[in-house]
Amino acid sequence: MELRGKQKRYLRSQAHHLQPIFQIGKGGLNSAMVVQINEALEKRELIKVTLLQNTDEIAEEVAESLKAEIHCDIVQIIGRVLVLFKPSSKEKYQKISKEVKAI
């Protein structure tokens, strides 16, 4: 699902108060972390991921690899913080995605 401008703006406003729940450090982005990020997106739909200063990863490259592997939408990249969105497949977790579809 490709997000439109108004939908991205809504998601950015929702993500503003969130704390990053994943930190990518010097180990980089590995397959175990990708699985955990996918599971978190399934339950929360909208999360923040931060890249620590000791990592060699670049935020844009991490965002593209996550987009390719777990088919999530990149809402925003600010410095070393990524905001990711993926609609949940379970209806009981689809609070944000229902609001996004209405926009």
PDB file of N, CA and C in Angstrom:
ATOM      1  N   MET A   1       0.850  -1.183   0.000  1.00  0.00           N
ATOM      2  CA  MET A   1       0.000   0.000   0.000  1.00  0.00           C
ATOM      3  C   MET A   1       0.889   1.238   0.000  1.00  0.00           C
ATOM      4  N   GLU A   2       0.766   2.043  -1.030  1.00  0.00           N
ATOM      5  CA  GLU A   2       1.542   3.278  -1.108  1.00  0.00           C
ATOM      6  C   GLU A   2       0.767   4.387  -0.395  1.00  0.00           C
ATOM      7  N   LEU A   3       1.445   5.071   0.505  1.00  0.00           N
ATOM      8  CA  LEU A   3       0.779   6.106   1.304  1.00  0.00           C
ATOM      9  C   LEU A   3       0.737   7.430   0.547  1.00  0.00           C
ATOM     10  N   ARG A   4      -0.378   8.127   0.693  1.00  0.00           N
ATOM     11  CA  ARG A   4      -0.508   9.469   0.117  1.00  0.00           C
ATOM     12  C   ARG A   4       0.001  10.498   1.124  1.00  0.00           C
ATOM     13  N   GLY A   5       0.126  11.725   0.695  1.00  0.00           N
ATOM     14  CA  GLY A   5       0.685  12.793   1.521  1.00  0.00           C
ATOM     15  C   GLY A   5      -0.071  13.012   2.823  1.00  0.00           C
ATOM     16  N   LYS A   6      -1.405  13.062   2.740  1.00  0.00           N
ATOM     17  CA  LYS A   6      -2.200  13.280   3.954  1.00  0.00           C
ATOM     18  C   LYS A   6      -2.075  12.109   4.922  1.00  0.00           C
ATOM     19  N   GLN A   7      -1.974  10.907   4.376  1.00  0.00           N
ATOM     20  CA  GLN A   7      -1.827   9.729   5.230  1.00  0.00           C
ATOM     21  C   GLN A   7      -0.479   9.751   5.942  1.00  0.00           C
ATOM     22  N   LYS A   8       0.575  10.125   5.214  1.00  0.00           N
ATOM     23  CA  LYS A   8       1.896  10.223   5.842  1.00  0.00           C
ATOM     24  C   LYS A   8       1.914  11.294   6.916  1.00  0.00           C
ATOM     25  N   ARG A   9       1.258  12.407   6.648  1.00  0.00           N
ATOM     26  CA  ARG A   9       1.218  13.484   7.635  1.00  0.00           C
ATOM     27  C   ARG A   9       0.498  13.024   8.906  1.00  0.00           C
ATOM     28  N   TYR A  10      -0.592  12.281   8.749  1.00  0.00           N
ATOM     29  CA  TYR A  10      -1.311  11.743   9.906  1.00  0.00           C
ATOM     30  C   TYR A  10      -0.421  10.783  10.695  1.00  0.00           C
ATOM     31  N   LEU A  11       0.283   9.890   9.977  1.00  0.00           N
ATOM     32  CA  LEU A  11       1.149   8.920  10.656  1.00  0.00           C
ATOM     33  C   LEU A  11       2.307   9.612  11.362  1.00  0.00           C
ATOM     34  N   ARG A  12       2.854  10.663  10.759  1.00  0.00           N
ATOM     35  CA  ARG A  12       3.926  11.416  11.425  1.00  0.00           C
ATOM     36  C   ARG A  12       3.422  12.032  12.711  1.00  0.00           C
ATOM     37  N   SER A  13       2.191  12.546  12.695  1.00  0.00           N
ATOM     38  CA  SER A  13       1.642  13.149  13.916  1.00  0.00           C
ATOM     39  C   SER A  13       1.424  12.082  14.996  1.00  0.00           C
ATOM     40  N   GLN A  14       1.029  10.876  14.595  1.00  0.00           N
ATOM     41  CA  GLN A  14       0.838   9.794  15.560  1.00  0.00           C
ATOM     42  C   GLN A  14       2.172   9.300  16.118  1.00  0.00           C
ATOM     43  N   ALA A  15       3.212   9.321  15.296  1.00  0.00           N
ATOM     44  CA  ALA A  15       4.520   8.797  15.699  1.00  0.00           C
ATOM     45  C   ALA A  15       5.331   9.801  16.512  1.00  0.00           C
ATOM     46  N   HIS A  16       4.921  11.040  16.510  1.00  0.00           N
ATOM     47  CA  HIS A  16       5.704  12.088  17.177  1.00  0.00           C
ATOM     48  C   HIS A  16       5.974  11.754  18.642  1.00  0.00           C
ATOM     49  N   HIS A  17       4.998  11.207  19.335  1.00  0.00           N
ATOM     50  CA  HIS A  17       5.133  10.948  20.772  1.00  0.00           C
ATOM     51  C   HIS A  17       5.699   9.567  21.087  1.00  0.00           C
ATOM     52  N   LEU A  18       5.944   8.758  20.069  1.00  0.00           N
ATOM     53  CA  LEU A  18       6.465   7.409  20.308  1.00  0.00           C
ATOM     54  C   LEU A  18       7.952   7.446  20.627  1.00  0.00           C
ATOM     55  N   GLN A  19       8.371   6.515  21.470  1.00  0.00           N
ATOM     56  CA  GLN A  19       9.794   6.309  21.730  1.00  0.00           C
ATOM     57  C   GLN A  19      10.293   5.213  20.793  1.00  0.00           C
ATOM     58  N   PRO A  20      11.532   5.318  20.310  1.00  0.00           N
ATOM     59  CA  PRO A  20      12.072   4.232  19.466  1.00  0.00           C
ATOM     60  C   PRO A  20      12.130   2.929  20.264  1.00  0.00           C
ATOM     61  N   ILE A  21      11.625   1.835  19.688  1.00  0.00           N
ATOM     62  CA  ILE A  21      11.629   0.566  20.409  1.00  0.00           C
ATOM     63  C   ILE A  21      12.727  -0.368  19.903  1.00  0.00           C
ATOM     64  N   PHE A  22      13.378  -0.020  18.797  1.00  0.00           N
ATOM     65  CA  PHE A  22      14.509  -0.802  18.308  1.00  0.00           C
ATOM     66  C   PHE A  22      15.696   0.112  18.094  1.00  0.00           C
ATOM     67  N   GLN A  23      16.880  -0.386  18.443  1.00  0.00           N
ATOM     68  CA  GLN A  23      18.117   0.342  18.227  1.00  0.00           C
ATOM     69  C   GLN A  23      19.058  -0.537  17.434  1.00  0.00           C
ATOM     70  N   ILE A  24      19.556  -0.008  16.336  1.00  0.00           N
ATOM     71  CA  ILE A  24      20.497  -0.747  15.511  1.00  0.00           C
ATOM     72  C   ILE A  24      21.892  -0.251  15.859  1.00  0.00           C
ATOM     73  N   GLY A  25      22.714  -1.149  16.378  1.00  0.00           N
ATOM     74  CA  GLY A  25      24.055  -0.791  16.839  1.00  0.00           C
ATOM     75  C   GLY A  25      25.130  -1.282  15.900  1.00  0.00           C
ATOM     76  N   LYS A  26      26.312  -1.542  16.451  1.00  0.00           N
ATOM     77  CA  LYS A  26      27.453  -1.905  15.617  1.00  0.00           C
ATOM     78  C   LYS A  26      27.300  -3.263  14.954  1.00  0.00           C
ATOM     79  N   GLY A  27      26.391  -4.095  15.452  1.00  0.00           N
ATOM     80  CA  GLY A  27      26.114  -5.369  14.802  1.00  0.00           C
ATOM     81  C   GLY A  27      25.358  -5.209  13.499  1.00  0.00           C
ATOM     82  N   GLY A  28      24.759  -4.056  13.303  1.00  0.00           N
ATOM     83  CA  GLY A  28      24.007  -3.788  12.076  1.00  0.00           C
ATOM     84  C   GLY A  28      22.631  -4.442  12.095  1.00  0.00           C
ATOM     85  N   LEU A  29      22.017  -4.413  10.950  1.00  0.00           N
ATOM     86  CA  LEU A  29      20.678  -4.984  10.791  1.00  0.00           C
ATOM     87  C   LEU A  29      20.832  -6.455  10.428  1.00  0.00           C
ATOM     88  N   ASN A  30      20.427  -7.360  11.329  1.00  0.00           N
ATOM     89  CA  ASN A  30      20.540  -8.794  11.050  1.00  0.00           C
ATOM     90  C   ASN A  30      19.154  -9.405  10.890  1.00  0.00           C
ATOM     91  N   SER A  31      19.123 -10.668  10.506  1.00  0.00           N
ATOM     92  CA  SER A  31      17.844 -11.316  10.213  1.00  0.00           C
ATOM     93  C   SER A  31      16.965 -11.445  11.455  1.00  0.00           C
ATOM     94  N   ALA A  32      17.560 -11.669  12.622  1.00  0.00           N
ATOM     95  CA  ALA A  32      16.775 -11.774  13.856  1.00  0.00           C
ATOM     96  C   ALA A  32      16.080 -10.453  14.174  1.00  0.00           C
ATOM     97  N   MET A  33      16.788  -9.353  13.948  1.00  0.00           N
ATOM     98  CA  MET A  33      16.191  -8.041  14.207  1.00  0.00           C
ATOM     99  C   MET A  33      15.066  -7.754  13.213  1.00  0.00           C
ATOM    100  N   VAL A  34      15.232  -8.175  11.969  1.00  0.00           N
ATOM    101  CA  VAL A  34      14.184  -7.980  10.967  1.00  0.00           C
ATOM    102  C   VAL A  34      12.914  -8.722  11.381  1.00  0.00           C
ATOM    103  N   VAL A  35      13.075  -9.940  11.903  1.00  0.00           N
ATOM    104  CA  VAL A  35      11.924 -10.722  12.369  1.00  0.00           C
ATOM    105  C   VAL A  35      11.242 -10.011  13.535  1.00  0.00           C
ATOM    106  N   GLN A  36      12.030  -9.494  14.474  1.00  0.00           N
ATOM    107  CA  GLN A  36      11.457  -8.787  15.627  1.00  0.00           C
ATOM    108  C   GLN A  36      10.733  -7.508  15.203  1.00  0.00           C
ATOM    109  N   ILE A  37      11.314  -6.774  14.260  1.00  0.00           N
ATOM    110  CA  ILE A  37      10.671  -5.551  13.767  1.00  0.00           C
ATOM    111  C   ILE A  37       9.345  -5.895  13.093  1.00  0.00           C
ATOM    112  N   ASN A  38       9.341  -6.976  12.323  1.00  0.00           N
ATOM    113  CA  ASN A  38       8.106  -7.405  11.657  1.00  0.00           C
ATOM    114  C   ASN A  38       7.028  -7.776  12.667  1.00  0.00           C
ATOM    115  N   GLU A  39       7.416  -8.485  13.743  1.00  0.00           N
ATOM    116  CA  GLU A  39       6.451  -8.850  14.783  1.00  0.00           C
ATOM    117  C   GLU A  39       5.919  -7.622  15.515  1.00  0.00           C
ATOM    118  N   ALA A  40       6.792  -6.659  15.770  1.00  0.00           N
ATOM    119  CA  ALA A  40       6.357  -5.429  16.448  1.00  0.00           C
ATOM    120  C   ALA A  40       5.399  -4.637  15.557  1.00  0.00           C
ATOM    121  N   LEU A  41       5.681  -4.599  14.255  1.00  0.00           N
ATOM    122  CA  LEU A  41       4.780  -3.905  13.334  1.00  0.00           C
ATOM    123  C   LEU A  41       3.425  -4.598  13.260  1.00  0.00           C
ATOM    124  N   GLU A  42       3.416  -5.915  13.394  1.00  0.00           N
ATOM    125  CA  GLU A  42       2.159  -6.665  13.362  1.00  0.00           C
ATOM    126  C   GLU A  42       1.265  -6.258  14.532  1.00  0.00           C
ATOM    127  N   LYS A  43       1.868  -6.001  15.695  1.00  0.00           N
ATOM    128  CA  LYS A  43       1.071  -5.638  16.869  1.00  0.00           C
ATOM    129  C   LYS A  43       0.813  -4.143  16.981  1.00  0.00           C
ATOM    130  N   ARG A  44       1.796  -3.321  16.609  1.00  0.00           N
ATOM    131  CA  ARG A  44       1.673  -1.888  16.848  1.00  0.00           C
ATOM    132  C   ARG A  44       1.326  -1.083  15.597  1.00  0.00           C
ATOM    133  N   GLU A  45       1.670  -1.578  14.430  1.00  0.00           N
ATOM    134  CA  GLU A  45       1.464  -0.950  13.120  1.00  0.00           C
ATOM    135  C   GLU A  45       2.374   0.243  12.861  1.00  0.00           C
ATOM    136  N   LEU A  46       2.754   0.966  13.888  1.00  0.00           N
ATOM    137  CA  LEU A  46       3.576   2.165  13.717  1.00  0.00           C
ATOM    138  C   LEU A  46       4.674   2.154  14.777  1.00  0.00           C
ATOM    139  N   ILE A  47       5.942   2.129  14.328  1.00  0.00           N
ATOM    140  CA  ILE A  47       7.055   2.095  15.285  1.00  0.00           C
ATOM    141  C   ILE A  47       8.178   3.017  14.830  1.00  0.00           C
ATOM    142  N   LYS A  48       9.054   3.311  15.782  1.00  0.00           N
ATOM    143  CA  LYS A  48      10.274   4.062  15.492  1.00  0.00           C
ATOM    144  C   LYS A  48      11.473   3.143  15.703  1.00  0.00           C
ATOM    145  N   VAL A  49      12.453   3.283  14.819  1.00  0.00           N
ATOM    146  CA  VAL A  49      13.713   2.547  14.924  1.00  0.00           C
ATOM    147  C   VAL A  49      14.827   3.585  14.879  1.00  0.00           C
ATOM    148  N   THR A  50      15.785   3.480  15.785  1.00  0.00           N
ATOM    149  CA  THR A  50      16.885   4.438  15.789  1.00  0.00           C
ATOM    150  C   THR A  50      18.199   3.729  15.489  1.00  0.00           C
ATOM    151  N   LEU A  51      19.100   4.427  14.824  1.00  0.00           N
ATOM    152  CA  LEU A  51      20.431   3.913  14.545  1.00  0.00           C
ATOM    153  C   LEU A  51      21.394   4.566  15.528  1.00  0.00           C
ATOM    154  N   LEU A  52      22.109   3.752  16.274  1.00  0.00           N
ATOM    155  CA  LEU A  52      23.062   4.283  17.243  1.00  0.00           C
ATOM    156  C   LEU A  52      24.281   4.868  16.524  1.00  0.00           C
ATOM    157  N   GLN A  53      25.047   5.689  17.231  1.00  0.00           N
ATOM    158  CA  GLN A  53      26.187   6.356  16.612  1.00  0.00           C
ATOM    159  C   GLN A  53      27.317   5.402  16.268  1.00  0.00           C
ATOM    160  N   ASN A  54      27.385   4.231  16.925  1.00  0.00           N
ATOM    161  CA  ASN A  54      28.482   3.312  16.659  1.00  0.00           C
ATOM    162  C   ASN A  54      28.198   2.359  15.493  1.00  0.00           C
ATOM    163  N   THR A  55      27.110   2.546  14.779  1.00  0.00           N
ATOM    164  CA  THR A  55      26.788   1.676  13.653  1.00  0.00           C
ATOM    165  C   THR A  55      27.347   2.243  12.351  1.00  0.00           C
ATOM    166  N   ASP A  56      27.667   1.334  11.429  1.00  0.00           N
ATOM    167  CA  ASP A  56      28.130   1.747  10.101  1.00  0.00           C
ATOM    168  C   ASP A  56      26.983   1.852   9.113  1.00  0.00           C
ATOM    169  N   GLU A  57      25.778   1.502   9.554  1.00  0.00           N
ATOM    170  CA  GLU A  57      24.613   1.523   8.677  1.00  0.00           C
ATOM    171  C   GLU A  57      24.200   2.966   8.361  1.00  0.00           C
ATOM    172  N   ILE A  58      23.578   3.141   7.197  1.00  0.00           N
ATOM    173  CA  ILE A  58      23.038   4.431   6.785  1.00  0.00           C
ATOM    174  C   ILE A  58      21.517   4.324   6.834  1.00  0.00           C
ATOM    175  N   ALA A  59      20.859   5.333   7.378  1.00  0.00           N
ATOM    176  CA  ALA A  59      19.417   5.268   7.634  1.00  0.00           C
ATOM    177  C   ALA A  59      18.621   4.946   6.366  1.00  0.00           C
ATOM    178  N   GLU A  60      18.962   5.568   5.258  1.00  0.00           N
ATOM    179  CA  GLU A  60      18.221   5.340   4.017  1.00  0.00           C
ATOM    180  C   GLU A  60      18.372   3.893   3.537  1.00  0.00           C
ATOM    181  N   GLU A  61      19.574   3.338   3.686  1.00  0.00           N
ATOM    182  CA  GLU A  61      19.807   1.954   3.258  1.00  0.00           C
ATOM    183  C   GLU A  61      19.055   0.968   4.149  1.00  0.00           C
ATOM    184  N   VAL A  62      19.043   1.227   5.450  1.00  0.00           N
ATOM    185  CA  VAL A  62      18.295   0.378   6.380  1.00  0.00           C
ATOM    186  C   VAL A  62      16.809   0.432   6.037  1.00  0.00           C
ATOM    187  N   ALA A  63      16.308   1.633   5.768  1.00  0.00           N
ATOM    188  CA  ALA A  63      14.896   1.795   5.431  1.00  0.00           C
ATOM    189  C   ALA A  63      14.548   1.019   4.166  1.00  0.00           C
ATOM    190  N   GLU A  64      15.384   1.093   3.154  1.00  0.00           N
ATOM    191  CA  GLU A  64      15.113   0.378   1.901  1.00  0.00           C
ATOM    192  C   GLU A  64      15.171  -1.140   2.096  1.00  0.00           C
ATOM    193  N   SER A  65      16.127  -1.620   2.893  1.00  0.00           N
ATOM    194  CA  SER A  65      16.210  -3.065   3.103  1.00  0.00           C
ATOM    195  C   SER A  65      15.014  -3.568   3.911  1.00  0.00           C
ATOM    196  N   LEU A  66      14.559  -2.792   4.911  1.00  0.00           N
ATOM    197  CA  LEU A  66      13.363  -3.182   5.666  1.00  0.00           C
ATOM    198  C   LEU A  66      12.128  -3.165   4.770  1.00  0.00           C
ATOM    199  N   LYS A  67      12.045  -2.161   3.910  1.00  0.00           N
ATOM    200  CA  LYS A  67      10.905  -2.066   2.996  1.00  0.00           C
ATOM    201  C   LYS A  67      10.864  -3.275   2.068  1.00  0.00           C
ATOM    202  N   ALA A  68      12.033  -3.707   1.594  1.00  0.00           N
ATOM    203  CA  ALA A  68      12.094  -4.851   0.683  1.00  0.00           C
ATOM    204  C   ALA A  68      11.806  -6.170   1.402  1.00  0.00           C
ATOM    205  N   GLU A  69      12.302  -6.322   2.624  1.00  0.00           N
ATOM    206  CA  GLU A  69      12.182  -7.607   3.322  1.00  0.00           C
ATOM    207  C   GLU A  69      10.819  -7.820   3.973  1.00  0.00           C
ATOM    208  N   ILE A  70      10.270  -6.786   4.624  1.00  0.00           N
ATOM    209  CA  ILE A  70       9.009  -6.997   5.353  1.00  0.00           C
ATOM    210  C   ILE A  70       7.844  -6.206   4.768  1.00  0.00           C
ATOM    211  N   HIS A  71       8.067  -5.535   3.653  1.00  0.00           N
ATOM    212  CA  HIS A  71       7.007  -4.826   2.921  1.00  0.00           C
ATOM    213  C   HIS A  71       6.280  -3.798   3.784  1.00  0.00           C
ATOM    214  N   CYS A  72       7.067  -3.005   4.515  1.00  0.00           N
ATOM    215  CA  CYS A  72       6.481  -1.934   5.329  1.00  0.00           C
ATOM    216  C   CYS A  72       6.652  -0.613   4.582  1.00  0.00           C
ATOM    217  N   ASP A  73       5.947   0.409   5.031  1.00  0.00           N
ATOM    218  CA  ASP A  73       6.071   1.746   4.450  1.00  0.00           C
ATOM    219  C   ASP A  73       6.982   2.581   5.324  1.00  0.00           C
ATOM    220  N   ILE A  74       7.869   3.333   4.693  1.00  0.00           N
ATOM    221  CA  ILE A  74       8.711   4.274   5.422  1.00  0.00           C
ATOM    222  C   ILE A  74       7.956   5.599   5.463  1.00  0.00           C
ATOM    223  N   VAL A  75       7.551   5.984   6.666  1.00  0.00           N
ATOM    224  CA  VAL A  75       6.783   7.215   6.829  1.00  0.00           C
ATOM    225  C   VAL A  75       7.725   8.406   6.838  1.00  0.00           C
ATOM    226  N   GLN A  76       8.848   8.274   7.551  1.00  0.00           N
ATOM    227  CA  GLN A  76       9.733   9.420   7.727  1.00  0.00           C
ATOM    228  C   GLN A  76      11.116   8.943   8.155  1.00  0.00           C
ATOM    229  N   ILE A  77      12.132   9.687   7.694  1.00  0.00           N
ATOM    230  CA  ILE A  77      13.493   9.475   8.160  1.00  0.00           C
ATOM    231  C   ILE A  77      14.015  10.835   8.605  1.00  0.00           C
ATOM    232  N   ILE A  78      14.332  10.941   9.894  1.00  0.00           N
ATOM    233  CA  ILE A  78      14.927  12.173  10.405  1.00  0.00           C
ATOM    234  C   ILE A  78      16.248  11.795  11.043  1.00  0.00           C
ATOM    235  N   GLY A  79      17.330  12.195  10.425  1.00  0.00           N
ATOM    236  CA  GLY A  79      18.641  11.873  10.958  1.00  0.00           C
ATOM    237  C   GLY A  79      18.837  10.378  11.043  1.00  0.00           C
ATOM    238  N   ARG A  80      18.898   9.857  12.266  1.00  0.00           N
ATOM    239  CA  ARG A  80      19.105   8.424  12.478  1.00  0.00           C
ATOM    240  C   ARG A  80      17.852   7.727  13.000  1.00  0.00           C
ATOM    241  N   VAL A  81      16.693   8.340  12.829  1.00  0.00           N
ATOM    242  CA  VAL A  81      15.441   7.760  13.322  1.00  0.00           C
ATOM    243  C   VAL A  81      14.521   7.463  12.137  1.00  0.00           C
ATOM    244  N   LEU A  82      14.043   6.221  12.081  1.00  0.00           N
ATOM    245  CA  LEU A  82      13.110   5.795  11.036  1.00  0.00           C
ATOM    246  C   LEU A  82      11.733   5.617  11.654  1.00  0.00           C
ATOM    247  N   VAL A  83      10.711   6.037  10.934  1.00  0.00           N
ATOM    248  CA  VAL A  83       9.332   5.772  11.346  1.00  0.00           C
ATOM    249  C   VAL A  83       8.751   4.808  10.312  1.00  0.00           C
ATOM    250  N   LEU A  84       8.327   3.631  10.785  1.00  0.00           N
ATOM    251  CA  LEU A  84       7.831   2.576   9.900  1.00  0.00           C
ATOM    252  C   LEU A  84       6.361   2.300  10.173  1.00  0.00           C
ATOM    253  N   PHE A  85       5.626   1.976   9.101  1.00  0.00           N
ATOM    254  CA  PHE A  85       4.208   1.649   9.212  1.00  0.00           C
ATOM    255  C   PHE A  85       3.916   0.417   8.373  1.00  0.00           C
ATOM    256  N   LYS A  86       3.145  -0.496   8.943  1.00  0.00           N
ATOM    257  CA  LYS A  86       2.671  -1.658   8.203  1.00  0.00           C
ATOM    258  C   LYS A  86       1.315  -2.045   8.772  1.00  0.00           C
ATOM    259  N   PRO A  87       0.272  -2.093   7.939  1.00  0.00           N
ATOM    260  CA  PRO A  87      -1.041  -2.505   8.447  1.00  0.00           C
ATOM    261  C   PRO A  87      -0.990  -3.923   8.997  1.00  0.00           C
ATOM    262  N   SER A  88      -1.635  -4.133  10.115  1.00  0.00           N
ATOM    263  CA  SER A  88      -1.651  -5.453  10.756  1.00  0.00           C
ATOM    264  C   SER A  88      -2.597  -6.386  10.005  1.00  0.00           C
ATOM    265  N   SER A  89      -2.256  -7.667   9.991  1.00  0.00           N
ATOM    266  CA  SER A  89      -3.138  -8.639   9.353  1.00  0.00           C
ATOM    267  C   SER A  89      -4.245  -9.093  10.309  1.00  0.00           C
ATOM    268  N   LYS A  90      -4.087  -8.832  11.605  1.00  0.00           N
ATOM    269  CA  LYS A  90      -5.097  -9.206  12.597  1.00  0.00           C
ATOM    270  C   LYS A  90      -5.991  -8.003  12.890  1.00  0.00           C
ATOM    271  N   GLU A  91      -7.289  -8.235  12.846  1.00  0.00           N
ATOM    272  CA  GLU A  91      -8.234  -7.134  12.974  1.00  0.00           C
ATOM    273  C   GLU A  91      -8.174  -6.437  14.329  1.00  0.00           C
ATOM    274  N   LYS A  92      -7.846  -7.172  15.389  1.00  0.00           N
ATOM    275  CA  LYS A  92      -7.846  -6.535  16.709  1.00  0.00           C
ATOM    276  C   LYS A  92      -6.712  -5.524  16.871  1.00  0.00           C
ATOM    277  N   TYR A  93      -5.688  -5.557  15.993  1.00  0.00           N
ATOM    278  CA  TYR A  93      -4.586  -4.601  16.064  1.00  0.00           C
ATOM    279  C   TYR A  93      -4.709  -3.487  15.012  1.00  0.00           C
ATOM    280  N   GLN A  94      -5.781  -3.443  14.242  1.00  0.00           N
ATOM    281  CA  GLN A  94      -5.879  -2.524  13.108  1.00  0.00           C
ATOM    282  C   GLN A  94      -6.463  -1.158  13.448  1.00  0.00           C
ATOM    283  N   LYS A  95      -6.080  -0.593  14.550  1.00  0.00           N
ATOM    284  CA  LYS A  95      -6.609   0.715  14.945  1.00  0.00           C
ATOM    285  C   LYS A  95      -6.091   1.825  14.026  1.00  0.00           C
ATOM    286  N   ILE A  96      -4.779   1.889  13.858  1.00  0.00           N
ATOM    287  CA  ILE A  96      -4.181   2.970  13.069  1.00  0.00           C
ATOM    288  C   ILE A  96      -4.483   2.792  11.586  1.00  0.00           C
ATOM    289  N   SER A  97      -4.411   1.568  11.077  1.00  0.00           N
ATOM    290  CA  SER A  97      -4.618   1.361   9.641  1.00  0.00           C
ATOM    291  C   SER A  97      -6.046   1.692   9.219  1.00  0.00           C
ATOM    292  N   LYS A  98      -7.018   1.484  10.096  1.00  0.00           N
ATOM    293  CA  LYS A  98      -8.396   1.855   9.759  1.00  0.00           C
ATOM    294  C   LYS A  98      -8.522   3.375   9.651  1.00  0.00           C
ATOM    295  N   GLU A  99      -7.842   4.094  10.546  1.00  0.00           N
ATOM    296  CA  GLU A  99      -7.877   5.557  10.500  1.00  0.00           C
ATOM    297  C   GLU A  99      -7.152   6.076   9.255  1.00  0.00           C
ATOM    298  N   VAL A 100      -6.064   5.409   8.868  1.00  0.00           N
ATOM    299  CA  VAL A 100      -5.316   5.833   7.678  1.00  0.00           C
ATOM    300  C   VAL A 100      -6.151   5.633   6.416  1.00  0.00           C
ATOM    301  N   LYS A 101      -6.867   4.510   6.337  1.00  0.00           N
ATOM    302  CA  LYS A 101      -7.700   4.242   5.155  1.00  0.00           C
ATOM    303  C   LYS A 101      -8.826   5.259   5.028  1.00  0.00           C
ATOM    304  N   ALA A 102      -9.301   5.793   6.158  1.00  0.00           N
ATOM    305  CA  ALA A 102     -10.382   6.764   6.135  1.00  0.00           C
ATOM    306  C   ALA A 102      -9.938   8.130   5.605  1.00  0.00           C
ATOM    307  N   ILE A 103      -8.625   8.376   5.635  1.00  0.00           N
ATOM    308  CA  ILE A 103      -8.115   9.681   5.196  1.00  0.00           C
ATOM    309  C   ILE A 103      -8.030   9.711   3.681  1.00  0.00           C
TER     310      ILE A 103
END
